[in-house]
Amino acid sequence: MSVVAILPARYASTRFPGKPLADILGQTMIERVYRRTASARLVQRVLVATDDERIAVAVRAFGGEVVMTRADHETGTDRLAEVAATLDAQLIVNVQGDEPLIDPAMIDEAIAPLLADETITMGTLMAPLHTAEELFNPNIVKVVTDRRGFALYFSRAPIPWQRDAPTQLAAAAAPALGRHVGLYVYRRDFLLRYADLAPTPLEQVEKLEQLRVLEQGERIYVARTTCVSLGVDTPEDLDRVRQLLREEQARQG
């Protein structure tokens, strides 16, 4: 089964303009994400989808493959779908272009369930929640699943609410509760249908695009991972990534 990973990348980020081209110890962010994605065992091809020629030039400079897209996309999913419509791949993987520390194993963990079960049309990942602080942090998206591993709901709020101890993690819910990791795998035909759907009320309230799928009565399989990544939303996040990579290099000698 053909599997193509697409990295949506735009230059005009509100909080961090030019983020994909930020230097991280001698490599641009988009190069680091590209190379880690290409190392995933189950990925056969990696593309960067962008509307900015500066990003395209940088990707070609390190030997990467880039596809130019329209500039009027409202979401990364829309940009992904534009590229997917031109491909004959069966599975499309959406890897965020601001995850320079992503572990290739995480990508494989998200892909594997769709290879094993053709009835799964969309998949994503969740990692453990370790503290109540994480549970109550609205910047950390939570997901709860049913007993078969399909998402019941995603929220920025603490779910499920533990009535008798509201400031604590619900230990009984631990197998079904996790921190959502924003990496997605789609069957190509489903992605094209999904991108054509109008935004839904819960999606707009939570500002979580994946809720559109659940509100339309579709299912998202949530694979589990113990890997940890660090997305870059601000220059401060970038400094943290640089420091972590310096420490990693020091350990390796």
Protein backbone atom coordinates (compact mmCIF):
# COMPACT_ATOMS: atom_id res chain seq x y z
CA MET A 1 0.00 0.00 0.00
CA SER A 2 1.46 3.37 -1.02
CA VAL A 3 1.98 5.84 1.83
CA VAL A 4 2.85 9.48 1.22
CA ALA A 5 3.65 11.94 4.00
CA ILE A 6 2.85 15.59 3.34
CA LEU A 7 4.25 18.46 5.41
CA PRO A 8 2.07 21.59 5.08
CA ALA A 9 4.34 24.63 5.50
CA ARG A 10 3.44 28.30 5.34
CA TYR A 11 5.60 31.36 5.83
CA ALA A 12 2.98 33.79 7.14
CA SER A 13 2.50 32.48 10.69
CA THR A 14 0.91 35.06 12.98
CA ARG A 15 2.97 34.18 16.04
CA PHE A 16 6.18 33.20 14.26
CA PRO A 17 6.58 34.44 10.66
CA GLY A 18 9.04 32.40 8.60
CA LYS A 19 8.97 29.54 11.09
CA PRO A 20 9.72 26.71 8.60
CA LEU A 21 13.00 28.43 7.67
CA ALA A 22 14.17 29.00 11.24
CA ASP A 23 17.71 27.74 11.76
CA ILE A 24 18.18 24.84 14.16
CA LEU A 25 21.88 24.11 14.61
CA GLY A 26 22.67 24.48 10.92
CA GLN A 27 19.47 23.06 9.40
CA THR A 28 16.14 24.71 8.74
CA MET A 29 13.19 23.47 10.73
CA ILE A 30 11.47 22.11 7.64
CA GLU A 31 14.59 20.10 6.72
CA ARG A 32 14.72 18.51 10.16
CA VAL A 33 11.04 17.53 9.98
CA TYR A 34 11.47 16.26 6.42
CA ARG A 35 14.44 14.05 7.25
CA ARG A 36 12.83 12.57 10.34
CA THR A 37 9.65 11.86 8.41
CA ALA A 38 11.62 10.21 5.61
CA SER A 39 13.19 7.92 8.23
CA ALA A 40 9.81 6.43 9.14
CA ARG A 41 9.78 2.79 8.06
CA LEU A 42 6.27 2.85 6.58
CA VAL A 43 6.56 6.10 4.60
CA GLN A 44 7.53 5.76 0.93
CA ARG A 45 7.51 9.40 -0.16
CA VAL A 46 7.69 12.79 1.56
CA LEU A 47 6.39 16.06 0.12
CA VAL A 48 6.36 19.61 1.43
CA ALA A 49 3.19 21.53 0.51
CA THR A 50 3.66 25.30 0.50
CA ASP A 51 2.49 28.47 -1.18
CA ASP A 52 5.74 30.32 -0.52
CA GLU A 53 8.65 30.28 -2.95
CA ARG A 54 11.18 30.91 -0.16
CA ILE A 55 10.20 27.65 1.50
CA ALA A 56 10.19 25.85 -1.84
CA VAL A 57 13.74 27.04 -2.60
CA ALA A 58 14.96 25.90 0.82
CA VAL A 59 13.41 22.45 0.41
CA ARG A 60 14.89 21.93 -3.04
CA ALA A 61 18.28 23.06 -1.71
CA PHE A 62 18.50 20.06 0.65
CA GLY A 63 17.14 17.67 -1.98
CA GLY A 64 13.56 17.53 -0.76
CA GLU A 65 10.44 17.31 -2.88
CA VAL A 66 8.04 20.26 -2.81
CA VAL A 67 4.59 20.96 -4.27
CA MET A 68 3.30 24.51 -4.69
CA THR A 69 -0.29 25.07 -3.55
CA ARG A 70 -2.83 27.87 -3.58
CA ALA A 71 -2.37 30.67 -1.07
CA ASP A 72 -5.99 30.92 0.05
CA HIS A 73 -6.26 27.75 2.16
CA GLU A 74 -7.76 28.33 5.60
CA THR A 75 -6.33 25.15 7.14
CA GLY A 76 -3.44 22.76 6.70
CA THR A 77 -5.97 20.04 5.88
CA ASP A 78 -7.19 22.04 2.89
CA ARG A 79 -3.62 22.39 1.66
CA LEU A 80 -3.08 18.67 2.23
CA ALA A 81 -6.18 17.78 0.24
CA GLU A 82 -5.12 19.91 -2.72
CA VAL A 83 -1.92 17.90 -3.00
CA ALA A 84 -3.58 14.54 -2.23
CA ALA A 85 -5.99 15.07 -5.12
CA THR A 86 -3.02 14.88 -7.51
CA LEU A 87 -1.61 11.66 -6.01
CA ASP A 88 -2.51 7.99 -6.42
CA ALA A 89 -1.36 7.09 -2.89
CA GLN A 90 -3.75 5.11 -0.74
CA LEU A 91 -2.69 6.61 2.60
CA ILE A 92 -1.84 10.27 3.23
CA VAL A 93 0.05 11.23 6.38
CA ASN A 94 -0.19 14.78 7.69
CA VAL A 95 3.01 15.65 9.58
CA GLN A 96 3.12 19.13 11.04
CA GLY A 97 6.03 21.17 9.66
CA ASP A 98 6.83 22.58 13.09
CA GLU A 99 7.77 19.29 14.80
CA PRO A 100 11.56 19.17 14.39
CA LEU A 101 11.95 16.56 17.15
CA ILE A 102 9.30 14.15 15.89
CA ASP A 103 10.29 10.53 16.34
CA PRO A 104 9.91 8.49 13.12
CA ALA A 105 8.46 5.70 15.27
CA MET A 106 5.47 7.92 16.06
CA ILE A 107 4.66 8.18 12.37
CA ASP A 108 4.84 4.41 11.97
CA GLU A 109 2.61 3.93 15.03
CA ALA A 110 -0.07 6.12 13.46
CA ILE A 111 0.13 4.41 10.06
CA ALA A 112 0.16 0.78 11.21
CA PRO A 113 -3.52 0.49 12.25
CA LEU A 114 -4.73 1.66 8.81
CA LEU A 115 -2.50 -0.91 7.13
CA ALA A 116 -3.90 -3.63 9.37
CA ASP A 117 -7.59 -2.69 9.14
CA GLU A 118 -9.06 -1.35 5.90
CA THR A 119 -12.22 -0.17 7.69
CA ILE A 120 -10.27 2.58 9.49
CA THR A 121 -10.48 5.73 7.40
CA MET A 122 -8.57 8.13 9.65
CA GLY A 123 -6.06 7.74 12.44
CA THR A 124 -4.11 9.82 14.92
CA LEU A 125 -2.05 9.42 18.10
CA MET A 126 -2.28 9.97 21.81
CA ALA A 127 0.42 10.01 24.48
CA PRO A 128 0.05 9.64 28.25
CA LEU A 129 -0.99 12.53 30.44
CA HIS A 130 1.24 12.65 33.49
CA THR A 131 0.01 15.52 35.67
CA ALA A 132 -3.13 17.41 36.57
CA GLU A 133 -1.40 20.53 35.27
CA GLU A 134 -1.31 18.99 31.81
CA LEU A 135 -4.95 17.98 32.12
CA PHE A 136 -6.03 21.55 32.88
CA ASN A 137 -3.77 23.23 30.31
CA PRO A 138 -6.00 24.41 27.41
CA ASN A 139 -3.01 24.35 25.07
CA ILE A 140 -2.77 20.58 25.55
CA VAL A 141 -5.58 18.84 23.68
CA LYS A 142 -7.09 15.86 25.43
CA VAL A 143 -8.76 12.85 23.81
CA VAL A 144 -10.91 10.07 25.24
CA THR A 145 -11.53 6.83 23.38
CA ASP A 146 -13.94 3.94 23.42
CA ARG A 147 -12.79 0.42 24.27
CA ARG A 148 -11.86 -0.29 20.66
CA GLY A 149 -9.57 2.73 20.47
CA PHE A 150 -11.79 5.11 18.52
CA ALA A 151 -12.07 8.73 19.62
CA LEU A 152 -15.15 9.74 21.59
CA TYR A 153 -14.18 13.40 21.95
CA PHE A 154 -11.30 15.85 21.77
CA SER A 155 -11.21 18.89 24.04
CA ARG A 156 -9.03 21.63 25.44
CA ALA A 157 -10.92 21.15 28.70
CA PRO A 158 -10.15 18.43 31.27
CA ILE A 159 -12.06 15.32 30.16
CA PRO A 160 -13.48 13.20 31.63
CA TRP A 161 -14.43 15.40 34.57
CA GLN A 162 -13.63 13.60 37.82
CA ARG A 163 -16.55 14.69 39.95
CA ASP A 164 -15.20 13.53 43.33
CA ALA A 165 -11.65 14.83 42.83
CA PRO A 166 -11.85 17.54 40.16
CA THR A 167 -8.25 18.71 40.45
CA GLN A 168 -6.75 15.25 39.84
CA LEU A 169 -6.23 12.94 36.91
CA ALA A 170 -8.94 10.30 36.71
CA ALA A 171 -6.90 7.14 37.28
CA ALA A 172 -9.78 4.89 36.30
CA ALA A 173 -9.96 6.58 32.91
CA ALA A 174 -6.23 6.29 32.21
CA PRO A 175 -6.47 3.65 29.44
CA ALA A 176 -9.02 5.76 27.56
CA LEU A 177 -7.55 9.22 28.25
CA GLY A 178 -4.51 10.81 26.68
CA ARG A 179 -2.77 13.83 25.30
CA HIS A 180 -3.59 14.22 21.62
CA VAL A 181 -0.64 14.27 19.22
CA GLY A 182 -1.53 16.23 16.09
CA LEU A 183 -0.35 13.74 13.52
CA TYR A 184 -2.98 12.32 11.15
CA VAL A 185 -3.25 9.48 8.66
CA TYR A 186 -6.07 9.43 6.11
CA ARG A 187 -7.28 7.17 3.38
CA ARG A 188 -7.00 9.44 0.37
CA ASP A 189 -10.68 9.29 -0.61
CA PHE A 190 -11.75 10.11 2.94
CA LEU A 191 -9.39 13.09 3.12
CA LEU A 192 -10.88 14.56 -0.05
CA ARG A 193 -14.41 14.16 1.36
CA TYR A 194 -13.38 15.58 4.73
CA ALA A 195 -11.85 18.70 3.20
CA ASP A 196 -15.15 19.44 1.44
CA LEU A 197 -17.17 19.37 4.66
CA ALA A 198 -18.24 22.66 6.21
CA PRO A 199 -16.91 23.57 9.68
CA THR A 200 -19.13 22.25 12.48
CA PRO A 201 -20.31 23.86 15.74
CA LEU A 202 -18.12 21.92 18.18
CA GLU A 203 -15.12 22.39 15.91
CA GLN A 204 -15.65 26.13 15.98
CA VAL A 205 -16.17 26.27 19.75
CA GLU A 206 -13.06 24.24 20.63
CA LYS A 207 -11.00 25.40 17.62
CA LEU A 208 -10.20 21.75 16.92
CA GLU A 209 -10.64 20.76 13.30
CA GLN A 210 -10.73 17.01 14.01
CA LEU A 211 -14.09 17.44 15.75
CA ARG A 212 -15.61 17.99 12.30
CA VAL A 213 -15.04 14.30 11.64
CA LEU A 214 -16.80 13.17 14.81
CA GLU A 215 -19.69 15.58 14.35
CA GLN A 216 -20.28 14.12 10.90
CA GLY A 217 -20.59 10.64 12.42
CA GLU A 218 -17.22 9.40 11.17
CA ARG A 219 -14.60 7.64 13.29
CA ILE A 220 -10.98 8.40 14.15
CA TYR A 221 -8.76 5.58 15.41
CA VAL A 222 -6.35 6.73 18.13
CA ALA A 223 -3.12 4.76 18.36
CA ARG A 224 -1.03 4.98 21.50
CA THR A 225 2.54 6.19 21.68
CA THR A 226 5.04 6.69 24.48
CA CYS A 227 7.17 8.97 22.33
CA VAL A 228 7.32 12.67 23.09
CA SER A 229 7.72 15.52 20.63
CA LEU A 230 7.90 19.29 20.99
CA GLY A 231 6.10 21.53 18.56
CA VAL A 232 7.39 25.01 17.82
CA ASP A 233 4.79 27.76 18.08
CA THR A 234 6.97 30.61 19.36
CA PRO A 235 10.64 31.70 19.30
CA GLU A 236 10.84 30.51 22.91
CA ASP A 237 9.83 27.00 21.81
CA LEU A 238 12.57 27.15 19.17
CA ASP A 239 15.15 27.96 21.84
CA ARG A 240 14.02 24.90 23.81
CA VAL A 241 14.40 22.68 20.75
CA ARG A 242 17.91 24.00 20.10
CA GLN A 243 18.90 23.33 23.69
CA LEU A 244 17.51 19.79 23.62
CA LEU A 245 19.42 19.04 20.41
CA ARG A 246 22.65 20.45 21.90
CA GLU A 247 22.19 18.18 24.91
CA GLU A 248 21.53 15.22 22.62
CA GLN A 249 24.66 15.93 20.61
CA ALA A 250 26.71 16.24 23.81
CA ARG A 251 25.49 12.83 25.01
CA GLN A 252 26.43 11.29 21.68
CA GLY A 253 29.94 12.67 22.01
